[in-house]
Amino acid sequence: MEINDFTEYYSTISNAELLDILDNPRGYQPIAIEAAKKEFVKRQLSEEDIKEAKEPMINDRMQKEKQKKKLNAIEEKVKATGNTLIETLNPIQSGITSTEKIIRLVVIVFSARYLYEVITEFRYIIITAEDSYHSPLITSLGLLPFILLPVAVFTFWKRKSIGWVLLTIYLTIIATSVFWQMVSSYGQRRSQFSWLERLYPSPSPSSYILSLIFLMGMLYVLCKPNVREVYSIRKETISKVIIMPAILELILLVYVK
């Protein structure tokens, strides 16, 4: 483009646009800047005209600065919250008791388990929730672990007695369900045809056993005296929150079957 093209164009723009070009020459061709300077001289703007023209630009710049500071403040707050959360949950942090390490490890393990279950079972959750109108009892049974676990983990993290109780009930329900599935699959496997087993293989016994070992191990950890002491749980409470949920779960499993 020739300088005359820029001269003709700049004669049509506002004072604010012209001053913006002169204040930010980067990105413009030298002949464009030269044409802008000539136009500025031609207009013979007074200090008042310049001040008035620059006012919207100054306000816009100040607004952007405010937004940038606000975003930086939010970013810093998120970082600080994340660091605090990591520091709070870090089970290998020095200077804390072994009981505190156990509690933090339990919170991390079951938080991760919940996220994994929600991601892997998302379609099941949606289908079960949509079918709640037809069979509310089965729906409640199917969705109970997804509702119980986050509440249990949060209250357990807050050192509430109800957190210990809910987490123990959750572990008992899941362990009972896994045991029932293992027994049921064993009976089915004995009666199945070999070709049907190849088409629709059921989980191996080792997967059930490993799950039971994990669940029973976590129950053992929760029932240790040093952990129970933090949550003010007496020995008498243990049998109530383990035996009763296990019996109820078995009854429901038999009923559903």
C-alpha atoms as a PDB file:
ATOM      1  CA  MET A   1       0.000   0.000   0.000  1.00  0.00           C
ATOM      2  CA  GLU A   2       1.105   3.553  -0.708  1.00  0.00           C
ATOM      3  CA  ILE A   3       1.282   6.288   1.911  1.00  0.00           C
ATOM      4  CA  ASN A   4      -1.631   8.055   0.197  1.00  0.00           C
ATOM      5  CA  ASP A   5      -3.827   5.038   0.913  1.00  0.00           C
ATOM      6  CA  PHE A   6      -3.044   5.325   4.626  1.00  0.00           C
ATOM      7  CA  THR A   7      -3.486   9.090   4.538  1.00  0.00           C
ATOM      8  CA  GLU A   8      -6.929   8.741   3.004  1.00  0.00           C
ATOM      9  CA  TYR A   9      -7.966   6.074   5.518  1.00  0.00           C
ATOM     10  CA  TYR A  10      -6.633   7.903   8.591  1.00  0.00           C
ATOM     11  CA  SER A  11      -8.569  11.010   7.657  1.00  0.00           C
ATOM     12  CA  THR A  12     -11.778   9.039   8.354  1.00  0.00           C
ATOM     13  CA  ILE A  13     -10.908   7.533  11.768  1.00  0.00           C
ATOM     14  CA  SER A  14     -11.637   9.099  15.145  1.00  0.00           C
ATOM     15  CA  ASN A  15      -9.122  10.942  17.302  1.00  0.00           C
ATOM     16  CA  ALA A  16      -9.085   8.044  19.760  1.00  0.00           C
ATOM     17  CA  GLU A  17      -8.243   5.515  17.021  1.00  0.00           C
ATOM     18  CA  LEU A  18      -5.514   7.775  15.633  1.00  0.00           C
ATOM     19  CA  LEU A  19      -3.919   8.262  19.035  1.00  0.00           C
ATOM     20  CA  ASP A  20      -4.114   4.522  19.699  1.00  0.00           C
ATOM     21  CA  ILE A  21      -2.087   3.872  16.535  1.00  0.00           C
ATOM     22  CA  LEU A  22       0.523   6.446  17.546  1.00  0.00           C
ATOM     23  CA  ASP A  23       0.719   5.065  21.112  1.00  0.00           C
ATOM     24  CA  ASN A  24       1.095   1.477  19.869  1.00  0.00           C
ATOM     25  CA  PRO A  25       3.202   1.659  16.669  1.00  0.00           C
ATOM     26  CA  ARG A  26       4.232  -2.012  16.812  1.00  0.00           C
ATOM     27  CA  GLY A  27       2.483  -4.068  14.177  1.00  0.00           C
ATOM     28  CA  TYR A  28       2.109  -1.155  11.777  1.00  0.00           C
ATOM     29  CA  GLN A  29       4.174  -0.475   8.682  1.00  0.00           C
ATOM     30  CA  PRO A  30       6.564   2.526   8.816  1.00  0.00           C
ATOM     31  CA  ILE A  31       4.595   4.307   6.086  1.00  0.00           C
ATOM     32  CA  ALA A  32       1.385   3.769   8.122  1.00  0.00           C
ATOM     33  CA  ILE A  33       2.979   5.413  11.175  1.00  0.00           C
ATOM     34  CA  GLU A  34       4.287   8.254   9.030  1.00  0.00           C
ATOM     35  CA  ALA A  35       0.790   8.828   7.600  1.00  0.00           C
ATOM     36  CA  ALA A  36      -0.682   8.755  11.130  1.00  0.00           C
ATOM     37  CA  LYS A  37       1.815  11.395  12.316  1.00  0.00           C
ATOM     38  CA  LYS A  38       0.925  13.640   9.385  1.00  0.00           C
ATOM     39  CA  GLU A  39      -2.764  13.252  10.145  1.00  0.00           C
ATOM     40  CA  PHE A  40      -2.122  14.104  13.811  1.00  0.00           C
ATOM     41  CA  VAL A  41      -0.283  17.300  12.837  1.00  0.00           C
ATOM     42  CA  LYS A  42      -3.007  18.147  10.340  1.00  0.00           C
ATOM     43  CA  ARG A  43      -5.761  17.912  12.983  1.00  0.00           C
ATOM     44  CA  GLN A  44      -3.935  20.281  15.372  1.00  0.00           C
ATOM     45  CA  LEU A  45      -5.488  18.687  18.445  1.00  0.00           C
ATOM     46  CA  SER A  46      -5.389  20.692  21.679  1.00  0.00           C
ATOM     47  CA  GLU A  47      -4.414  19.149  25.017  1.00  0.00           C
ATOM     48  CA  GLU A  48      -8.084  19.017  25.925  1.00  0.00           C
ATOM     49  CA  ASP A  49      -8.894  17.166  22.655  1.00  0.00           C
ATOM     50  CA  ILE A  50      -6.104  14.676  23.301  1.00  0.00           C
ATOM     51  CA  LYS A  51      -7.210  14.140  26.893  1.00  0.00           C
ATOM     52  CA  GLU A  52     -10.808  13.588  25.823  1.00  0.00           C
ATOM     53  CA  ALA A  53      -9.790  11.185  23.056  1.00  0.00           C
ATOM     54  CA  LYS A  54      -7.518   9.156  25.343  1.00  0.00           C
ATOM     55  CA  GLU A  55     -10.003   8.891  28.205  1.00  0.00           C
ATOM     56  CA  PRO A  56     -11.888   5.830  26.783  1.00  0.00           C
ATOM     57  CA  MET A  57      -8.541   4.113  26.108  1.00  0.00           C
ATOM     58  CA  ILE A  58      -7.323   4.829  29.641  1.00  0.00           C
ATOM     59  CA  ASN A  59     -10.578   3.522  31.119  1.00  0.00           C
ATOM     60  CA  ASP A  60     -10.385   0.410  28.958  1.00  0.00           C
ATOM     61  CA  ARG A  61      -6.764  -0.162  29.996  1.00  0.00           C
ATOM     62  CA  MET A  62      -7.653   0.282  33.672  1.00  0.00           C
ATOM     63  CA  GLN A  63     -10.544  -2.162  33.298  1.00  0.00           C
ATOM     64  CA  LYS A  64      -8.229  -4.748  31.737  1.00  0.00           C
ATOM     65  CA  GLU A  65      -5.730  -4.220  34.554  1.00  0.00           C
ATOM     66  CA  LYS A  66      -8.476  -4.778  37.132  1.00  0.00           C
ATOM     67  CA  GLN A  67      -9.587  -7.964  35.394  1.00  0.00           C
ATOM     68  CA  LYS A  68      -5.993  -9.170  35.213  1.00  0.00           C
ATOM     69  CA  LYS A  69      -5.467  -8.492  38.932  1.00  0.00           C
ATOM     70  CA  LYS A  70      -8.732 -10.256  39.738  1.00  0.00           C
ATOM     71  CA  LEU A  71      -7.699 -13.303  37.687  1.00  0.00           C
ATOM     72  CA  ASN A  72      -4.282 -13.328  39.336  1.00  0.00           C
ATOM     73  CA  ALA A  73      -5.924 -13.135  42.769  1.00  0.00           C
ATOM     74  CA  ILE A  74      -8.219 -16.072  41.909  1.00  0.00           C
ATOM     75  CA  GLU A  75      -5.269 -18.051  40.562  1.00  0.00           C
ATOM     76  CA  GLU A  76      -3.267 -17.403  43.727  1.00  0.00           C
ATOM     77  CA  LYS A  77      -6.239 -18.380  45.870  1.00  0.00           C
ATOM     78  CA  VAL A  78      -6.705 -21.633  43.950  1.00  0.00           C
ATOM     79  CA  LYS A  79      -2.991 -22.411  44.275  1.00  0.00           C
ATOM     80  CA  ALA A  80      -3.041 -21.635  47.999  1.00  0.00           C
ATOM     81  CA  THR A  81      -6.146 -23.787  48.501  1.00  0.00           C
ATOM     82  CA  GLY A  82      -4.584 -26.625  46.506  1.00  0.00           C
ATOM     83  CA  ASN A  83      -1.336 -26.427  48.483  1.00  0.00           C
ATOM     84  CA  THR A  84      -3.267 -26.367  51.755  1.00  0.00           C
ATOM     85  CA  LEU A  85      -5.349 -29.362  50.671  1.00  0.00           C
ATOM     86  CA  ILE A  86      -2.259 -31.304  49.602  1.00  0.00           C
ATOM     87  CA  GLU A  87      -0.516 -30.424  52.844  1.00  0.00           C
ATOM     88  CA  THR A  88      -3.591 -31.416  54.850  1.00  0.00           C
ATOM     89  CA  LEU A  89      -4.016 -34.773  53.083  1.00  0.00           C
ATOM     90  CA  ASN A  90      -0.334 -35.631  52.640  1.00  0.00           C
ATOM     91  CA  PRO A  91       0.053 -38.944  54.518  1.00  0.00           C
ATOM     92  CA  ILE A  92       3.889 -38.912  54.433  1.00  0.00           C
ATOM     93  CA  GLN A  93       4.244 -35.452  55.896  1.00  0.00           C
ATOM     94  CA  SER A  94       6.744 -35.325  58.740  1.00  0.00           C
ATOM     95  CA  GLY A  95       5.697 -34.291  62.213  1.00  0.00           C
ATOM     96  CA  ILE A  96       2.293 -36.029  62.280  1.00  0.00           C
ATOM     97  CA  THR A  97       1.231 -39.124  64.219  1.00  0.00           C
ATOM     98  CA  SER A  98       0.789 -42.558  62.672  1.00  0.00           C
ATOM     99  CA  THR A  99      -2.957 -42.330  63.371  1.00  0.00           C
ATOM    100  CA  GLU A 100      -3.194 -39.063  61.444  1.00  0.00           C
ATOM    101  CA  LYS A 101      -1.288 -40.648  58.552  1.00  0.00           C
ATOM    102  CA  ILE A 102      -3.775 -43.536  58.489  1.00  0.00           C
ATOM    103  CA  ILE A 103      -6.748 -41.148  58.430  1.00  0.00           C
ATOM    104  CA  ARG A 104      -5.268 -39.112  55.578  1.00  0.00           C
ATOM    105  CA  LEU A 105      -4.422 -42.252  53.607  1.00  0.00           C
ATOM    106  CA  VAL A 106      -7.984 -43.564  54.027  1.00  0.00           C
ATOM    107  CA  VAL A 107      -9.394 -40.244  52.759  1.00  0.00           C
ATOM    108  CA  ILE A 108      -7.093 -40.279  49.701  1.00  0.00           C
ATOM    109  CA  VAL A 109      -7.791 -43.932  48.863  1.00  0.00           C
ATOM    110  CA  PHE A 110     -11.568 -43.639  49.021  1.00  0.00           C
ATOM    111  CA  SER A 111     -11.693 -40.254  47.300  1.00  0.00           C
ATOM    112  CA  ALA A 112      -9.771 -41.799  44.410  1.00  0.00           C
ATOM    113  CA  ARG A 113     -12.022 -44.864  44.509  1.00  0.00           C
ATOM    114  CA  TYR A 114     -15.141 -42.701  44.327  1.00  0.00           C
ATOM    115  CA  LEU A 115     -13.846 -40.716  41.334  1.00  0.00           C
ATOM    116  CA  TYR A 116     -12.888 -43.949  39.569  1.00  0.00           C
ATOM    117  CA  GLU A 117     -16.305 -45.512  40.220  1.00  0.00           C
ATOM    118  CA  VAL A 118     -18.191 -42.432  39.009  1.00  0.00           C
ATOM    119  CA  ILE A 119     -16.145 -42.308  35.794  1.00  0.00           C
ATOM    120  CA  THR A 120     -16.343 -46.032  35.026  1.00  0.00           C
ATOM    121  CA  GLU A 121     -19.982 -46.466  36.113  1.00  0.00           C
ATOM    122  CA  PHE A 122     -21.352 -43.180  34.786  1.00  0.00           C
ATOM    123  CA  ARG A 123     -23.663 -44.828  32.250  1.00  0.00           C
ATOM    124  CA  TYR A 124     -24.964 -47.246  34.889  1.00  0.00           C
ATOM    125  CA  ILE A 125     -25.688 -44.324  37.266  1.00  0.00           C
ATOM    126  CA  ILE A 126     -27.666 -42.471  34.590  1.00  0.00           C
ATOM    127  CA  ILE A 127     -29.661 -45.557  33.510  1.00  0.00           C
ATOM    128  CA  THR A 128     -30.422 -46.536  37.110  1.00  0.00           C
ATOM    129  CA  ALA A 129     -31.496 -42.991  38.020  1.00  0.00           C
ATOM    130  CA  GLU A 130     -33.792 -42.800  34.973  1.00  0.00           C
ATOM    131  CA  ASP A 131     -35.419 -46.097  35.954  1.00  0.00           C
ATOM    132  CA  SER A 132     -36.092 -44.966  39.544  1.00  0.00           C
ATOM    133  CA  TYR A 133     -39.807 -44.398  38.841  1.00  0.00           C
ATOM    134  CA  HIS A 134     -40.414 -48.068  37.951  1.00  0.00           C
ATOM    135  CA  SER A 135     -38.369 -49.715  40.729  1.00  0.00           C
ATOM    136  CA  PRO A 136     -37.436 -47.279  43.504  1.00  0.00           C
ATOM    137  CA  LEU A 137     -36.154 -50.000  45.861  1.00  0.00           C
ATOM    138  CA  ILE A 138     -33.725 -51.468  43.336  1.00  0.00           C
ATOM    139  CA  THR A 139     -32.677 -47.969  42.290  1.00  0.00           C
ATOM    140  CA  SER A 140     -31.956 -47.001  45.895  1.00  0.00           C
ATOM    141  CA  LEU A 141     -29.921 -50.171  46.389  1.00  0.00           C
ATOM    142  CA  GLY A 142     -27.969 -49.585  43.175  1.00  0.00           C
ATOM    143  CA  LEU A 143     -27.196 -45.931  43.842  1.00  0.00           C
ATOM    144  CA  LEU A 144     -26.578 -46.239  47.592  1.00  0.00           C
ATOM    145  CA  PRO A 145     -22.772 -46.681  47.308  1.00  0.00           C
ATOM    146  CA  PHE A 146     -22.474 -43.612  45.045  1.00  0.00           C
ATOM    147  CA  ILE A 147     -24.395 -41.498  47.567  1.00  0.00           C
ATOM    148  CA  LEU A 148     -22.970 -42.982  50.751  1.00  0.00           C
ATOM    149  CA  LEU A 149     -19.259 -42.875  49.908  1.00  0.00           C
ATOM    150  CA  PRO A 150     -18.710 -39.119  49.308  1.00  0.00           C
ATOM    151  CA  VAL A 151     -20.680 -38.229  52.451  1.00  0.00           C
ATOM    152  CA  ALA A 152     -18.733 -40.817  54.433  1.00  0.00           C
ATOM    153  CA  VAL A 153     -15.333 -39.644  53.188  1.00  0.00           C
ATOM    154  CA  PHE A 154     -16.083 -35.970  53.806  1.00  0.00           C
ATOM    155  CA  THR A 155     -17.361 -36.463  57.346  1.00  0.00           C
ATOM    156  CA  PHE A 156     -14.534 -38.928  58.073  1.00  0.00           C
ATOM    157  CA  TRP A 157     -12.037 -36.261  56.947  1.00  0.00           C
ATOM    158  CA  LYS A 158     -13.745 -33.780  59.292  1.00  0.00           C
ATOM    159  CA  ARG A 159     -13.149 -36.245  62.180  1.00  0.00           C
ATOM    160  CA  LYS A 160     -16.888 -36.742  62.742  1.00  0.00           C
ATOM    161  CA  SER A 161     -18.153 -39.939  64.386  1.00  0.00           C
ATOM    162  CA  ILE A 162     -20.783 -40.261  61.663  1.00  0.00           C
ATOM    163  CA  GLY A 163     -17.974 -40.348  59.101  1.00  0.00           C
ATOM    164  CA  TRP A 164     -16.432 -43.408  60.728  1.00  0.00           C
ATOM    165  CA  VAL A 165     -19.856 -45.073  60.984  1.00  0.00           C
ATOM    166  CA  LEU A 166     -20.816 -44.365  57.349  1.00  0.00           C
ATOM    167  CA  LEU A 167     -17.444 -45.464  55.970  1.00  0.00           C
ATOM    168  CA  THR A 168     -17.597 -48.692  57.989  1.00  0.00           C
ATOM    169  CA  ILE A 169     -21.151 -49.348  56.781  1.00  0.00           C
ATOM    170  CA  TYR A 170     -20.057 -48.666  53.191  1.00  0.00           C
ATOM    171  CA  LEU A 171     -17.154 -51.119  53.459  1.00  0.00           C
ATOM    172  CA  THR A 172     -19.439 -53.730  55.039  1.00  0.00           C
ATOM    173  CA  ILE A 173     -22.059 -53.382  52.296  1.00  0.00           C
ATOM    174  CA  ILE A 174     -19.488 -53.618  49.505  1.00  0.00           C
ATOM    175  CA  ALA A 175     -17.668 -56.543  51.146  1.00  0.00           C
ATOM    176  CA  THR A 176     -20.973 -58.417  51.601  1.00  0.00           C
ATOM    177  CA  SER A 177     -21.924 -57.733  47.988  1.00  0.00           C
ATOM    178  CA  VAL A 178     -18.542 -58.942  46.700  1.00  0.00           C
ATOM    179  CA  PHE A 179     -18.801 -62.097  48.836  1.00  0.00           C
ATOM    180  CA  TRP A 180     -22.316 -62.765  47.507  1.00  0.00           C
ATOM    181  CA  GLN A 181     -21.160 -62.276  43.904  1.00  0.00           C
ATOM    182  CA  MET A 182     -18.227 -64.631  44.468  1.00  0.00           C
ATOM    183  CA  VAL A 183     -20.476 -67.372  45.875  1.00  0.00           C
ATOM    184  CA  SER A 184     -23.095 -66.843  43.153  1.00  0.00           C
ATOM    185  CA  SER A 185     -20.548 -66.884  40.334  1.00  0.00           C
ATOM    186  CA  TYR A 186     -19.040 -70.107  41.698  1.00  0.00           C
ATOM    187  CA  GLY A 187     -22.425 -71.809  41.581  1.00  0.00           C
ATOM    188  CA  GLN A 188     -23.119 -70.509  38.084  1.00  0.00           C
ATOM    189  CA  ARG A 189     -19.702 -71.549  36.817  1.00  0.00           C
ATOM    190  CA  ARG A 190     -20.309 -75.166  37.820  1.00  0.00           C
ATOM    191  CA  SER A 191     -23.575 -75.285  35.870  1.00  0.00           C
ATOM    192  CA  GLN A 192     -22.529 -73.353  32.774  1.00  0.00           C
ATOM    193  CA  PHE A 193     -21.618 -74.880  29.426  1.00  0.00           C
ATOM    194  CA  SER A 194     -18.009 -74.357  28.412  1.00  0.00           C
ATOM    195  CA  TRP A 195     -18.935 -72.496  25.205  1.00  0.00           C
ATOM    196  CA  LEU A 196     -21.174 -70.092  27.165  1.00  0.00           C
ATOM    197  CA  GLU A 197     -18.385 -69.433  29.670  1.00  0.00           C
ATOM    198  CA  ARG A 198     -16.050 -68.567  26.780  1.00  0.00           C
ATOM    199  CA  LEU A 199     -18.575 -66.152  25.293  1.00  0.00           C
ATOM    200  CA  TYR A 200     -19.489 -64.472  28.586  1.00  0.00           C
ATOM    201  CA  PRO A 201     -16.577 -64.991  30.994  1.00  0.00           C
ATOM    202  CA  SER A 202     -17.317 -64.113  34.611  1.00  0.00           C
ATOM    203  CA  PRO A 203     -14.702 -62.461  36.854  1.00  0.00           C
ATOM    204  CA  SER A 204     -12.019 -64.793  38.151  1.00  0.00           C
ATOM    205  CA  PRO A 205     -12.155 -65.936  41.807  1.00  0.00           C
ATOM    206  CA  SER A 206      -8.850 -64.147  42.429  1.00  0.00           C
ATOM    207  CA  SER A 207     -10.423 -60.756  41.627  1.00  0.00           C
ATOM    208  CA  TYR A 208     -13.133 -61.364  44.236  1.00  0.00           C
ATOM    209  CA  ILE A 209     -10.586 -62.545  46.779  1.00  0.00           C
ATOM    210  CA  LEU A 210      -8.341 -59.504  46.227  1.00  0.00           C
ATOM    211  CA  SER A 211     -11.339 -57.176  46.612  1.00  0.00           C
ATOM    212  CA  LEU A 212     -12.350 -58.911  49.833  1.00  0.00           C
ATOM    213  CA  ILE A 213      -8.795 -58.700  51.196  1.00  0.00           C
ATOM    214  CA  PHE A 214      -8.702 -54.966  50.477  1.00  0.00           C
ATOM    215  CA  LEU A 215     -12.146 -54.300  51.979  1.00  0.00           C
ATOM    216  CA  MET A 216     -11.550 -56.420  55.076  1.00  0.00           C
ATOM    217  CA  GLY A 217      -8.130 -54.827  55.513  1.00  0.00           C
ATOM    218  CA  MET A 218      -9.657 -51.344  55.462  1.00  0.00           C
ATOM    219  CA  LEU A 219     -12.302 -52.457  57.975  1.00  0.00           C
ATOM    220  CA  TYR A 220      -9.539 -53.743  60.219  1.00  0.00           C
ATOM    221  CA  VAL A 221      -7.722 -50.388  59.972  1.00  0.00           C
ATOM    222  CA  LEU A 222     -10.879 -48.434  60.858  1.00  0.00           C
ATOM    223  CA  CYS A 223     -11.546 -50.682  63.842  1.00  0.00           C
ATOM    224  CA  LYS A 224      -8.075 -50.234  65.344  1.00  0.00           C
ATOM    225  CA  PRO A 225      -8.270 -48.624  68.805  1.00  0.00           C
ATOM    226  CA  ASN A 226      -6.096 -45.600  67.912  1.00  0.00           C
ATOM    227  CA  VAL A 227      -8.352 -44.741  64.942  1.00  0.00           C
ATOM    228  CA  ARG A 228     -11.593 -45.348  66.846  1.00  0.00           C
ATOM    229  CA  GLU A 229     -10.361 -43.098  69.625  1.00  0.00           C
ATOM    230  CA  VAL A 230     -10.207 -40.120  67.251  1.00  0.00           C
ATOM    231  CA  TYR A 231     -13.887 -40.631  66.383  1.00  0.00           C
ATOM    232  CA  SER A 232     -15.040 -41.585  69.909  1.00  0.00           C
ATOM    233  CA  ILE A 233     -16.231 -45.011  68.747  1.00  0.00           C
ATOM    234  CA  ARG A 234     -16.768 -47.675  71.416  1.00  0.00           C
ATOM    235  CA  LYS A 235     -16.275 -51.416  70.929  1.00  0.00           C
ATOM    236  CA  GLU A 236     -20.019 -52.030  71.167  1.00  0.00           C
ATOM    237  CA  THR A 237     -20.579 -49.838  68.108  1.00  0.00           C
ATOM    238  CA  ILE A 238     -18.380 -52.018  65.890  1.00  0.00           C
ATOM    239  CA  SER A 239     -20.706 -55.024  65.893  1.00  0.00           C
ATOM    240  CA  LYS A 240     -23.739 -52.828  65.222  1.00  0.00           C
ATOM    241  CA  VAL A 241     -22.289 -51.062  62.159  1.00  0.00           C
ATOM    242  CA  ILE A 242     -20.859 -54.265  60.674  1.00  0.00           C
ATOM    243  CA  ILE A 243     -23.258 -57.128  61.476  1.00  0.00           C
ATOM    244  CA  MET A 244     -26.561 -55.316  60.916  1.00  0.00           C
ATOM    245  CA  PRO A 245     -25.656 -53.747  57.501  1.00  0.00           C
ATOM    246  CA  ALA A 246     -24.230 -57.113  56.374  1.00  0.00           C
ATOM    247  CA  ILE A 247     -27.487 -58.912  57.232  1.00  0.00           C
ATOM    248  CA  LEU A 248     -29.621 -56.235  55.590  1.00  0.00           C
ATOM    249  CA  GLU A 249     -27.458 -56.311  52.453  1.00  0.00           C
ATOM    250  CA  LEU A 250     -27.775 -60.101  52.210  1.00  0.00           C
ATOM    251  CA  ILE A 251     -31.564 -59.867  52.589  1.00  0.00           C
ATOM    252  CA  LEU A 252     -31.739 -57.225  49.846  1.00  0.00           C
ATOM    253  CA  LEU A 253     -29.483 -59.276  47.572  1.00  0.00           C
ATOM    254  CA  VAL A 254     -31.653 -62.340  48.026  1.00  0.00           C
ATOM    255  CA  TYR A 255     -34.786 -60.264  47.415  1.00  0.00           C
ATOM    256  CA  VAL A 256     -33.392 -58.673  44.252  1.00  0.00           C
ATOM    257  CA  LYS A 257     -32.244 -62.022  42.966  1.00  0.00           C
END
